[in-house]
C-alpha atoms as a PDB file:
ATOM      1  CA  UNK A   1     125.864  65.386  82.171  1.00  0.00           C
ATOM      2  CA  UNK A   2     124.172  68.748  81.865  1.00  0.00           C
ATOM      3  CA  UNK A   3     125.682  72.121  82.718  1.00  0.00           C
ATOM      4  CA  UNK A   4     123.417  75.193  82.877  1.00  0.00           C
ATOM      5  CA  UNK A   5     124.557  78.797  83.328  1.00  0.00           C
ATOM      6  CA  UNK A   6     122.655  82.087  83.424  1.00  0.00           C
ATOM      7  CA  UNK A   7     124.394  85.286  82.324  1.00  0.00           C
ATOM      8  CA  UNK A   8     122.669  88.593  83.079  1.00  0.00           C
ATOM      9  CA  UNK A   9     123.927  91.724  81.340  1.00  0.00           C
ATOM     10  CA  UNK A  10     122.765  95.179  80.288  1.00  0.00           C
ATOM     11  CA  UNK A  11     121.936  95.420  76.584  1.00  0.00           C
ATOM     12  CA  UNK A  12     120.749  98.979  75.996  1.00  0.00           C
ATOM     13  CA  UNK A  13     117.877  99.696  77.008  1.00  0.00           C
ATOM     14  CA  UNK A  14     117.013  96.384  78.764  1.00  0.00           C
ATOM     15  CA  UNK A  15     118.590  93.871  81.100  1.00  0.00           C
ATOM     16  CA  UNK A  16     118.884  90.502  79.391  1.00  0.00           C
ATOM     17  CA  UNK A  17     119.477  87.022  80.745  1.00  0.00           C
ATOM     18  CA  UNK A  18     120.972  84.258  78.615  1.00  0.00           C
ATOM     19  CA  UNK A  19     120.551  80.648  79.676  1.00  0.00           C
ATOM     20  CA  UNK A  20     123.366  78.457  78.345  1.00  0.00           C
ATOM     21  CA  UNK A  21     122.836  74.700  78.523  1.00  0.00           C
ATOM     22  CA  UNK A  22     125.622  72.257  77.631  1.00  0.00           C
ATOM     23  CA  UNK A  23     124.623  68.613  77.215  1.00  0.00           C
ATOM     24  CA  UNK A  24     126.759  65.952  75.546  1.00  0.00           C
ATOM     25  CA  UNK A  25     129.142  68.630  74.222  1.00  0.00           C
ATOM     26  CA  UNK A  26     126.251  70.507  72.559  1.00  0.00           C
ATOM     27  CA  UNK A  27     125.495  74.128  73.477  1.00  0.00           C
ATOM     28  CA  UNK A  28     121.943  75.485  73.375  1.00  0.00           C
ATOM     29  CA  UNK A  29     120.884  78.957  74.488  1.00  0.00           C
ATOM     30  CA  UNK A  30     117.742  80.872  75.303  1.00  0.00           C
ATOM     31  CA  UNK A  31     117.315  84.598  75.870  1.00  0.00           C
ATOM     32  CA  UNK A  32     115.094  86.249  78.501  1.00  0.00           C
ATOM     33  CA  UNK A  33     114.459  90.001  78.658  1.00  0.00           C
ATOM     34  CA  UNK A  34     114.008  91.378  82.171  1.00  0.00           C
ATOM     35  CA  UNK A  35     113.377  95.057  81.437  1.00  0.00           C
ATOM     36  CA  UNK A  36     114.589  96.987  84.492  1.00  0.00           C
ATOM     37  CA  UNK A  37     117.621  95.800  86.441  1.00  0.00           C
ATOM     38  CA  UNK A  38     116.551  92.530  88.059  1.00  0.00           C
ATOM     39  CA  UNK A  39     117.081  91.826  91.723  1.00  0.00           C
ATOM     40  CA  UNK A  40     118.352  88.474  92.925  1.00  0.00           C
ATOM     41  CA  UNK A  41     114.807  87.427  93.824  1.00  0.00           C
ATOM     42  CA  UNK A  42     113.538  88.339  90.325  1.00  0.00           C
ATOM     43  CA  UNK A  43     116.345  86.315  88.750  1.00  0.00           C
ATOM     44  CA  UNK A  44     115.545  83.356  90.989  1.00  0.00           C
ATOM     45  CA  UNK A  45     111.850  83.666  90.150  1.00  0.00           C
ATOM     46  CA  UNK A  46     112.694  83.754  86.433  1.00  0.00           C
ATOM     47  CA  UNK A  47     114.738  80.592  86.806  1.00  0.00           C
ATOM     48  CA  UNK A  48     112.037  78.761  88.744  1.00  0.00           C
ATOM     49  CA  UNK A  49     108.985  79.894  86.749  1.00  0.00           C
ATOM     50  CA  UNK A  50     110.273  80.419  83.211  1.00  0.00           C
ATOM     51  CA  UNK A  51     112.951  77.755  82.776  1.00  0.00           C
ATOM     52  CA  UNK A  52     110.639  74.971  81.565  1.00  0.00           C
ATOM     53  CA  UNK A  53     108.853  77.350  79.166  1.00  0.00           C
ATOM     54  CA  UNK A  54     112.056  78.503  77.458  1.00  0.00           C
ATOM     55  CA  UNK A  55     112.664  77.742  73.802  1.00  0.00           C
ATOM     56  CA  UNK A  56     116.293  76.794  73.414  1.00  0.00           C
ATOM     57  CA  UNK A  57     118.176  77.324  70.170  1.00  0.00           C
ATOM     58  CA  UNK A  58     119.388  74.492  67.953  1.00  0.00           C
ATOM     59  CA  UNK A  59     122.537  72.921  69.355  1.00  0.00           C
ATOM     60  CA  UNK A  60     126.105  73.901  68.469  1.00  0.00           C
ATOM     61  CA  UNK A  61     129.098  71.634  69.022  1.00  0.00           C
ATOM     62  CA  UNK A  62     131.414  72.626  71.849  1.00  0.00           C
ATOM     63  CA  UNK A  63     134.901  71.247  72.266  1.00  0.00           C
ATOM     64  CA  UNK A  64     135.594  69.869  75.706  1.00  0.00           C
ATOM     65  CA  UNK A  65     138.786  70.933  77.407  1.00  0.00           C
ATOM     66  CA  UNK A  66     140.836  68.426  79.346  1.00  0.00           C
ATOM     67  CA  UNK A  67     140.648  69.039  83.069  1.00  0.00           C
ATOM     68  CA  UNK A  68     143.988  69.948  84.512  1.00  0.00           C
ATOM     69  CA  UNK A  69     144.900  71.104  87.960  1.00  0.00           C
ATOM     70  CA  UNK A  70     144.672  74.891  87.997  1.00  0.00           C
ATOM     71  CA  UNK A  71     146.595  77.169  90.274  1.00  0.00           C
ATOM     72  CA  UNK A  72     144.146  78.731  92.788  1.00  0.00           C
ATOM     73  CA  UNK A  73     145.392  82.251  92.033  1.00  0.00           C
ATOM     74  CA  UNK A  74     144.911  81.692  88.307  1.00  0.00           C
ATOM     75  CA  UNK A  75     141.437  80.326  88.984  1.00  0.00           C
ATOM     76  CA  UNK A  76     140.634  83.412  91.049  1.00  0.00           C
ATOM     77  CA  UNK A  77     141.821  85.676  88.210  1.00  0.00           C
ATOM     78  CA  UNK A  78     139.640  83.753  85.756  1.00  0.00           C
ATOM     79  CA  UNK A  79     136.622  84.156  88.021  1.00  0.00           C
ATOM     80  CA  UNK A  80     137.226  87.924  88.284  1.00  0.00           C
ATOM     81  CA  UNK A  81     137.692  88.166  84.526  1.00  0.00           C
ATOM     82  CA  UNK A  82     134.417  86.340  83.878  1.00  0.00           C
ATOM     83  CA  UNK A  83     132.584  88.496  86.398  1.00  0.00           C
ATOM     84  CA  UNK A  84     133.854  91.705  84.785  1.00  0.00           C
ATOM     85  CA  UNK A  85     133.223  90.784  81.159  1.00  0.00           C
ATOM     86  CA  UNK A  86     130.250  92.465  79.560  1.00  0.00           C
ATOM     87  CA  UNK A  87     128.044  90.437  77.250  1.00  0.00           C
ATOM     88  CA  UNK A  88     128.012  86.788  76.407  1.00  0.00           C
ATOM     89  CA  UNK A  89     130.328  84.359  74.655  1.00  0.00           C
ATOM     90  CA  UNK A  90     130.615  84.043  70.916  1.00  0.00           C
ATOM     91  CA  UNK A  91     129.276  80.466  70.920  1.00  0.00           C
ATOM     92  CA  UNK A  92     126.182  81.713  72.724  1.00  0.00           C
ATOM     93  CA  UNK A  93     125.789  84.530  70.220  1.00  0.00           C
ATOM     94  CA  UNK A  94     126.015  82.025  67.359  1.00  0.00           C
ATOM     95  CA  UNK A  95     123.365  79.855  68.980  1.00  0.00           C
ATOM     96  CA  UNK A  96     121.061  82.852  69.548  1.00  0.00           C
ATOM     97  CA  UNK A  97     121.546  83.948  65.936  1.00  0.00           C
ATOM     98  CA  UNK A  98     120.713  80.431  64.751  1.00  0.00           C
ATOM     99  CA  UNK A  99     117.570  80.435  66.899  1.00  0.00           C
ATOM    100  CA  UNK A 100     116.601  83.823  65.463  1.00  0.00           C
ATOM    101  CA  UNK A 101     117.067  82.572  61.893  1.00  0.00           C
ATOM    102  CA  UNK A 102     114.985  79.453  62.564  1.00  0.00           C
ATOM    103  CA  UNK A 103     112.207  81.629  63.992  1.00  0.00           C
ATOM    104  CA  UNK A 104     112.414  83.958  61.004  1.00  0.00           C
ATOM    105  CA  UNK A 105     112.059  81.076  58.552  1.00  0.00           C
ATOM    106  CA  UNK A 106     109.086  79.717  60.522  1.00  0.00           C
ATOM    107  CA  UNK A 107     107.374  83.139  60.568  1.00  0.00           C
ATOM    108  CA  UNK A 108     107.914  83.550  56.810  1.00  0.00           C
ATOM    109  CA  UNK A 109     106.444  80.105  56.146  1.00  0.00           C
ATOM    110  CA  UNK A 110     103.370  80.818  58.298  1.00  0.00           C
ATOM    111  CA  UNK A 111     102.757  84.244  56.781  1.00  0.00           C
ATOM    112  CA  UNK A 112     103.112  82.816  53.258  1.00  0.00           C
ATOM    113  CA  UNK A 113     100.550  80.109  54.036  1.00  0.00           C
ATOM    114  CA  UNK A 114      98.157  82.693  55.483  1.00  0.00           C
ATOM    115  CA  UNK A 115      98.595  84.934  52.436  1.00  0.00           C
ATOM    116  CA  UNK A 116      97.931  82.055  50.037  1.00  0.00           C
ATOM    117  CA  UNK A 117      94.837  81.025  52.004  1.00  0.00           C
ATOM    118  CA  UNK A 118      93.556  84.612  51.974  1.00  0.00           C
ATOM    119  CA  UNK A 119      94.142  84.902  48.208  1.00  0.00           C
ATOM    120  CA  UNK A 120      92.384  81.568  47.605  1.00  0.00           C
ATOM    121  CA  UNK A 121      89.417  82.752  49.685  1.00  0.00           C
ATOM    122  CA  UNK A 122      89.191  86.005  47.701  1.00  0.00           C
ATOM    123  CA  UNK A 123      89.373  84.069  44.434  1.00  0.00           C
ATOM    124  CA  UNK A 124      86.573  81.714  45.560  1.00  0.00           C
ATOM    125  CA  UNK A 125      84.432  84.704  46.603  1.00  0.00           C
ATOM    126  CA  UNK A 126      84.938  86.341  43.181  1.00  0.00           C
ATOM    127  CA  UNK A 127      84.019  83.128  41.395  1.00  0.00           C
ATOM    128  CA  UNK A 128      80.867  82.712  43.524  1.00  0.00           C
ATOM    129  CA  UNK A 129      79.864  86.329  42.851  1.00  0.00           C
ATOM    130  CA  UNK A 130      80.356  85.884  39.088  1.00  0.00           C
ATOM    131  CA  UNK A 131      78.208  82.746  39.088  1.00  0.00           C
ATOM    132  CA  UNK A 132      75.456  84.503  41.065  1.00  0.00           C
ATOM    133  CA  UNK A 133      75.355  87.348  38.532  1.00  0.00           C
ATOM    134  CA  UNK A 134      74.896  84.952  35.609  1.00  0.00           C
ATOM    135  CA  UNK A 135      72.400  82.636  37.259  1.00  0.00           C
ATOM    136  CA  UNK A 136      69.261  82.060  35.205  1.00  0.00           C
ATOM    137  CA  UNK A 137      70.390  83.885  32.062  1.00  0.00           C
END
């Protein structure tokens, strides 16, 4: 069973949306930057158009709580508390950080490969130039 939640909050200077997806007790997250304060229609459009293009973070284990009957007043207080909290949960932050680190490693690997290829090309050009200077002598 899959559970997906979108949290929208203000992270100076932009409005940010965090998609949290829980599948098989594994949490994955993806971050979307809205810019100005999004309206409900913009949020809905983001969900419809961007959801399948999102890159979710590597998964993090989530413990599952046993379902117990909850007092309706307590449930209402929990809903108000969640609505008033600013930011996102710590598990989501860990998943976003992990995604950021994976992206950083990938960027470093790509830039290193490009640098090595560029250096190899310069070396080959120097060698060709040296051979052209000494041709026929």
